[in-house]
C-alpha atoms as a PDB file:
ATOM      1  CA  MET A   1      38.875 -11.453  21.259  1.00  0.00           C
ATOM      2  CA  ASP A   2      38.427  -7.822  22.265  1.00  0.00           C
ATOM      3  CA  LEU A   3      35.543  -6.805  24.435  1.00  0.00           C
ATOM      4  CA  ILE A   4      33.710  -3.644  23.492  1.00  0.00           C
ATOM      5  CA  ARG A   5      32.051  -1.735  26.235  1.00  0.00           C
ATOM      6  CA  TRP A   6      28.351  -1.091  25.627  1.00  0.00           C
ATOM      7  CA  GLU A   7      27.274   2.510  26.078  1.00  0.00           C
ATOM      8  CA  PRO A   8      23.483   2.694  26.403  1.00  0.00           C
ATOM      9  CA  MET A   9      23.405   6.509  26.251  1.00  0.00           C
ATOM     10  CA  ARG A  10      25.005   6.498  22.822  1.00  0.00           C
ATOM     11  CA  GLU A  11      22.264   4.164  21.616  1.00  0.00           C
ATOM     12  CA  MET A  12      19.635   6.439  23.191  1.00  0.00           C
ATOM     13  CA  SER A  13      21.009   9.577  21.536  1.00  0.00           C
ATOM     14  CA  SER A  14      20.813   7.900  18.121  1.00  0.00           C
ATOM     15  CA  PHE A  15      17.235   6.870  18.860  1.00  0.00           C
ATOM     16  CA  ARG A  16      16.394  10.409  19.989  1.00  0.00           C
ATOM     17  CA  ARG A  17      17.774  11.923  16.779  1.00  0.00           C
ATOM     18  CA  GLN A  18      15.603   9.564  14.758  1.00  0.00           C
ATOM     19  CA  LEU A  19      12.550  10.507  16.830  1.00  0.00           C
ATOM     20  CA  ASP A  20      13.305  14.217  16.443  1.00  0.00           C
ATOM     21  CA  ARG A  21      13.530  13.775  12.686  1.00  0.00           C
ATOM     22  CA  PHE A  22      10.255  11.824  12.645  1.00  0.00           C
ATOM     23  CA  PHE A  23       8.354  14.458  14.621  1.00  0.00           C
ATOM     24  CA  ASP A  24       9.876  17.435  12.834  1.00  0.00           C
ATOM     25  CA  LEU A  25       6.938  19.763  12.126  1.00  0.00           C
ATOM     26  CA  GLU A  26       8.068  20.803   8.672  1.00  0.00           C
ATOM     27  CA  GLU A  27       8.734  17.206   7.664  1.00  0.00           C
ATOM     28  CA  MET A  28       5.293  16.149   8.949  1.00  0.00           C
ATOM     29  CA  ARG A  29       3.672  19.001   7.034  1.00  0.00           C
ATOM     30  CA  GLU A  30       5.480  17.959   3.859  1.00  0.00           C
ATOM     31  CA  MET A  31       4.379  14.334   4.341  1.00  0.00           C
ATOM     32  CA  GLY A  32       0.762  15.519   4.570  1.00  0.00           C
ATOM     33  CA  ARG A  33       1.133  17.593   1.419  1.00  0.00           C
ATOM     34  CA  ASN A  34       2.600  14.633  -0.438  1.00  0.00           C
ATOM     35  CA  LEU A  35      -0.278  12.401   0.653  1.00  0.00           C
ATOM     36  CA  MET A  36      -2.833  14.909  -0.584  1.00  0.00           C
ATOM     37  CA  ARG A  37      -0.993  15.410  -3.874  1.00  0.00           C
ATOM     38  CA  MET A  38      -1.448  11.689  -4.299  1.00  0.00           C
ATOM     39  CA  GLY A  39      -5.175  12.378  -4.061  1.00  0.00           C
ATOM     40  CA  PRO A  40      -7.991  12.495  -1.582  1.00  0.00           C
ATOM     41  CA  ARG A  41      -8.716   9.481   0.594  1.00  0.00           C
ATOM     42  CA  THR A  42     -11.179   7.181  -1.145  1.00  0.00           C
ATOM     43  CA  ASP A  43     -13.200   4.100  -0.235  1.00  0.00           C
ATOM     44  CA  ILE A  44     -14.441   1.903  -3.085  1.00  0.00           C
ATOM     45  CA  TYR A  45     -16.887  -0.945  -2.586  1.00  0.00           C
ATOM     46  CA  GLN A  46     -19.313  -2.873  -4.747  1.00  0.00           C
ATOM     47  CA  THR A  47     -22.817  -4.267  -4.563  1.00  0.00           C
ATOM     48  CA  GLU A  48     -24.374  -6.732  -6.980  1.00  0.00           C
ATOM     49  CA  THR A  49     -25.279  -3.957  -9.405  1.00  0.00           C
ATOM     50  CA  GLU A  50     -22.827  -1.087  -8.906  1.00  0.00           C
ATOM     51  CA  VAL A  51     -19.417   0.117  -7.775  1.00  0.00           C
ATOM     52  CA  ILE A  52     -19.517   2.989  -5.284  1.00  0.00           C
ATOM     53  CA  ALA A  53     -16.668   5.379  -4.467  1.00  0.00           C
ATOM     54  CA  ASN A  54     -16.757   7.688  -1.444  1.00  0.00           C
ATOM     55  CA  VAL A  55     -14.147  10.428  -1.757  1.00  0.00           C
ATOM     56  CA  GLU A  56     -13.208  12.771   1.107  1.00  0.00           C
ATOM     57  CA  LEU A  57     -13.282  16.322  -0.247  1.00  0.00           C
ATOM     58  CA  PRO A  58     -13.867  18.674   2.678  1.00  0.00           C
ATOM     59  CA  GLY A  59     -14.089  22.331   1.809  1.00  0.00           C
ATOM     60  CA  ILE A  60     -15.095  22.014  -1.827  1.00  0.00           C
ATOM     61  CA  ILE A  61     -17.349  25.019  -2.305  1.00  0.00           C
ATOM     62  CA  GLU A  62     -18.178  24.873  -6.019  1.00  0.00           C
ATOM     63  CA  LYS A  63     -18.936  21.731  -7.985  1.00  0.00           C
ATOM     64  CA  ASP A  64     -16.791  23.195 -10.777  1.00  0.00           C
ATOM     65  CA  ASP A  65     -13.767  22.712  -8.477  1.00  0.00           C
ATOM     66  CA  VAL A  66     -13.897  18.932  -9.124  1.00  0.00           C
ATOM     67  CA  ASP A  67     -13.765  16.926 -12.364  1.00  0.00           C
ATOM     68  CA  ILE A  68     -14.798  13.274 -12.444  1.00  0.00           C
ATOM     69  CA  LEU A  69     -13.833  11.043 -15.361  1.00  0.00           C
ATOM     70  CA  VAL A  70     -15.089   7.456 -15.487  1.00  0.00           C
ATOM     71  CA  SER A  71     -13.987   4.881 -18.034  1.00  0.00           C
ATOM     72  CA  GLU A  72     -14.952   1.213 -18.127  1.00  0.00           C
ATOM     73  CA  ASN A  73     -12.208   0.263 -15.669  1.00  0.00           C
ATOM     74  CA  ALA A  74     -10.918   3.446 -13.982  1.00  0.00           C
ATOM     75  CA  LEU A  75     -12.060   6.471 -12.000  1.00  0.00           C
ATOM     76  CA  THR A  76     -10.159   9.769 -12.167  1.00  0.00           C
ATOM     77  CA  ILE A  77     -10.832  12.624  -9.757  1.00  0.00           C
ATOM     78  CA  LYS A  78      -9.172  16.000 -10.355  1.00  0.00           C
ATOM     79  CA  GLY A  79      -9.730  19.227  -8.547  1.00  0.00           C
ATOM     80  CA  GLU A  80      -8.512  22.018  -6.377  1.00  0.00           C
ATOM     81  CA  MET A  81      -8.938  22.644  -2.663  1.00  0.00           C
ATOM     82  CA  LYS A  82      -9.137  26.397  -2.222  1.00  0.00           C
ATOM     83  CA  ARG A  83      -8.440  28.298   0.969  1.00  0.00           C
ATOM     84  CA  ASP A  84     -11.565  30.243   1.940  1.00  0.00           C
ATOM     85  CA  THR A  85      -9.631  33.298   3.179  1.00  0.00           C
ATOM     86  CA  GLU A  86      -6.145  34.571   2.493  1.00  0.00           C
ATOM     87  CA  LYS A  87      -3.780  34.307   5.435  1.00  0.00           C
ATOM     88  CA  ARG A  88      -0.050  34.788   5.504  1.00  0.00           C
ATOM     89  CA  GLU A  89       2.037  31.793   6.485  1.00  0.00           C
ATOM     90  CA  GLU A  90       3.437  33.630   9.504  1.00  0.00           C
ATOM     91  CA  ASP A  91      -0.098  34.231  10.889  1.00  0.00           C
ATOM     92  CA  TYR A  92      -0.598  30.510  11.501  1.00  0.00           C
ATOM     93  CA  VAL A  93       0.052  28.767  14.781  1.00  0.00           C
ATOM     94  CA  ARG A  94      -0.849  25.407  13.199  1.00  0.00           C
ATOM     95  CA  ASN A  95      -1.262  24.714   9.486  1.00  0.00           C
ATOM     96  CA  GLU A  96      -2.259  21.105   8.742  1.00  0.00           C
ATOM     97  CA  ARG A  97      -4.905  21.300   6.023  1.00  0.00           C
ATOM     98  CA  TYR A  98      -3.909  20.896   2.389  1.00  0.00           C
ATOM     99  CA  PHE A  99      -4.826  23.466  -0.242  1.00  0.00           C
ATOM    100  CA  GLY A 100      -3.979  23.087  -3.889  1.00  0.00           C
ATOM    101  CA  SER A 101      -4.691  20.843  -6.825  1.00  0.00           C
ATOM    102  CA  PHE A 102      -5.003  17.069  -6.742  1.00  0.00           C
ATOM    103  CA  ASN A 103      -5.345  14.332  -9.347  1.00  0.00           C
ATOM    104  CA  ARG A 104      -6.005  10.677  -8.602  1.00  0.00           C
ATOM    105  CA  THR A 105      -6.783   7.729 -10.865  1.00  0.00           C
ATOM    106  CA  LEU A 106      -8.061   4.512  -9.322  1.00  0.00           C
ATOM    107  CA  SER A 107      -8.561   1.108 -10.923  1.00  0.00           C
ATOM    108  CA  LEU A 108     -12.055  -0.301 -10.609  1.00  0.00           C
ATOM    109  CA  PRO A 109     -12.635  -3.933  -9.597  1.00  0.00           C
ATOM    110  CA  VAL A 110     -15.049  -4.623 -12.489  1.00  0.00           C
ATOM    111  CA  GLU A 111     -16.155  -3.009 -15.734  1.00  0.00           C
ATOM    112  CA  VAL A 112     -18.665  -0.179 -15.226  1.00  0.00           C
ATOM    113  CA  SER A 113     -20.981   1.847 -17.448  1.00  0.00           C
ATOM    114  CA  PRO A 114     -19.672   5.449 -17.569  1.00  0.00           C
ATOM    115  CA  ASP A 115     -22.846   6.725 -19.280  1.00  0.00           C
ATOM    116  CA  ASN A 116     -25.066   5.850 -16.316  1.00  0.00           C
ATOM    117  CA  THR A 117     -22.729   7.065 -13.561  1.00  0.00           C
ATOM    118  CA  SER A 118     -24.030   9.590 -11.020  1.00  0.00           C
ATOM    119  CA  ALA A 119     -22.345  11.693  -8.342  1.00  0.00           C
ATOM    120  CA  SER A 120     -23.520  13.604  -5.281  1.00  0.00           C
ATOM    121  CA  TYR A 121     -21.714  15.705  -2.678  1.00  0.00           C
ATOM    122  CA  LYS A 122     -22.795  15.951   0.951  1.00  0.00           C
ATOM    123  CA  ASN A 123     -20.983  16.808   4.180  1.00  0.00           C
ATOM    124  CA  GLY A 124     -17.550  16.854   2.547  1.00  0.00           C
ATOM    125  CA  VAL A 125     -17.907  13.442   0.885  1.00  0.00           C
ATOM    126  CA  LEU A 126     -18.297  12.953  -2.858  1.00  0.00           C
ATOM    127  CA  GLU A 127     -20.222   9.764  -3.651  1.00  0.00           C
ATOM    128  CA  ILE A 128     -19.860   8.329  -7.152  1.00  0.00           C
ATOM    129  CA  ARG A 129     -22.200   5.495  -8.184  1.00  0.00           C
ATOM    130  CA  MET A 130     -21.100   3.514 -11.234  1.00  0.00           C
ATOM    131  CA  PRO A 131     -23.412   0.762 -12.531  1.00  0.00           C
ATOM    132  CA  LYS A 132     -21.689  -2.493 -13.359  1.00  0.00           C
ATOM    133  CA  VAL A 133     -21.753  -3.712 -16.941  1.00  0.00           C
ATOM    134  CA  GLN A 134     -23.910  -6.807 -16.910  1.00  0.00           C
ATOM    135  CA  PRO A 135     -22.135  -9.753 -18.484  1.00  0.00           C
ATOM    136  CA  ASP A 136     -23.662 -10.877 -21.739  1.00  0.00           C
ATOM    137  CA  ARG A 137     -25.537 -14.126 -21.211  1.00  0.00           C
ATOM    138  CA  ARG A 138     -24.238 -15.368 -24.561  1.00  0.00           C
ATOM    139  CA  ARG A 139     -20.700 -16.563 -24.077  1.00  0.00           C
ATOM    140  CA  GLY A 140     -19.881 -17.021 -27.726  1.00  0.00           C
ATOM    141  CA  VAL A 141     -21.145 -16.872 -31.265  1.00  0.00           C
ATOM    142  CA  LYS A 142     -20.999 -19.871 -33.591  1.00  0.00           C
ATOM    143  CA  ILE A 143     -19.063 -19.042 -36.755  1.00  0.00           C
ATOM    144  CA  ASP A 144     -19.613 -21.034 -39.936  1.00  0.00           C
ATOM    145  CA  ILE A 145     -16.617 -21.920 -42.088  1.00  0.00           C
ATOM    146  CA  ASN A 146     -16.928 -20.994 -45.777  1.00  0.00           C
END
């Protein structure tokens, strides 16, 4: 059996290359862009009577910049984050915020009533309140056979 000499520095250089790749600024920036393309961060919770979604949308200036579509079992949020002033890329020292369009569809935990849904926007958070559909007390209908 041959013995192979262990070289710890070789292991460290491989680890360092992986760390350099992980902390690469352009790669980090691209990861952030991909996350935002997926859609804004959203919390969804429910009470006895409604499902509530809180959506982070900092910098939305006009309500026309966001579209909300609610169906019985899904919530779709589309919009565009606009840069408030034009700056050239080379003027930035740090550029972490995302600007551009987004589109996200989320499944809802229960059936909701789209007609009675309301939304409000305050301090960069869009709150969407969707009333739950109340289950019909009648579980079935008796059918006569002819």
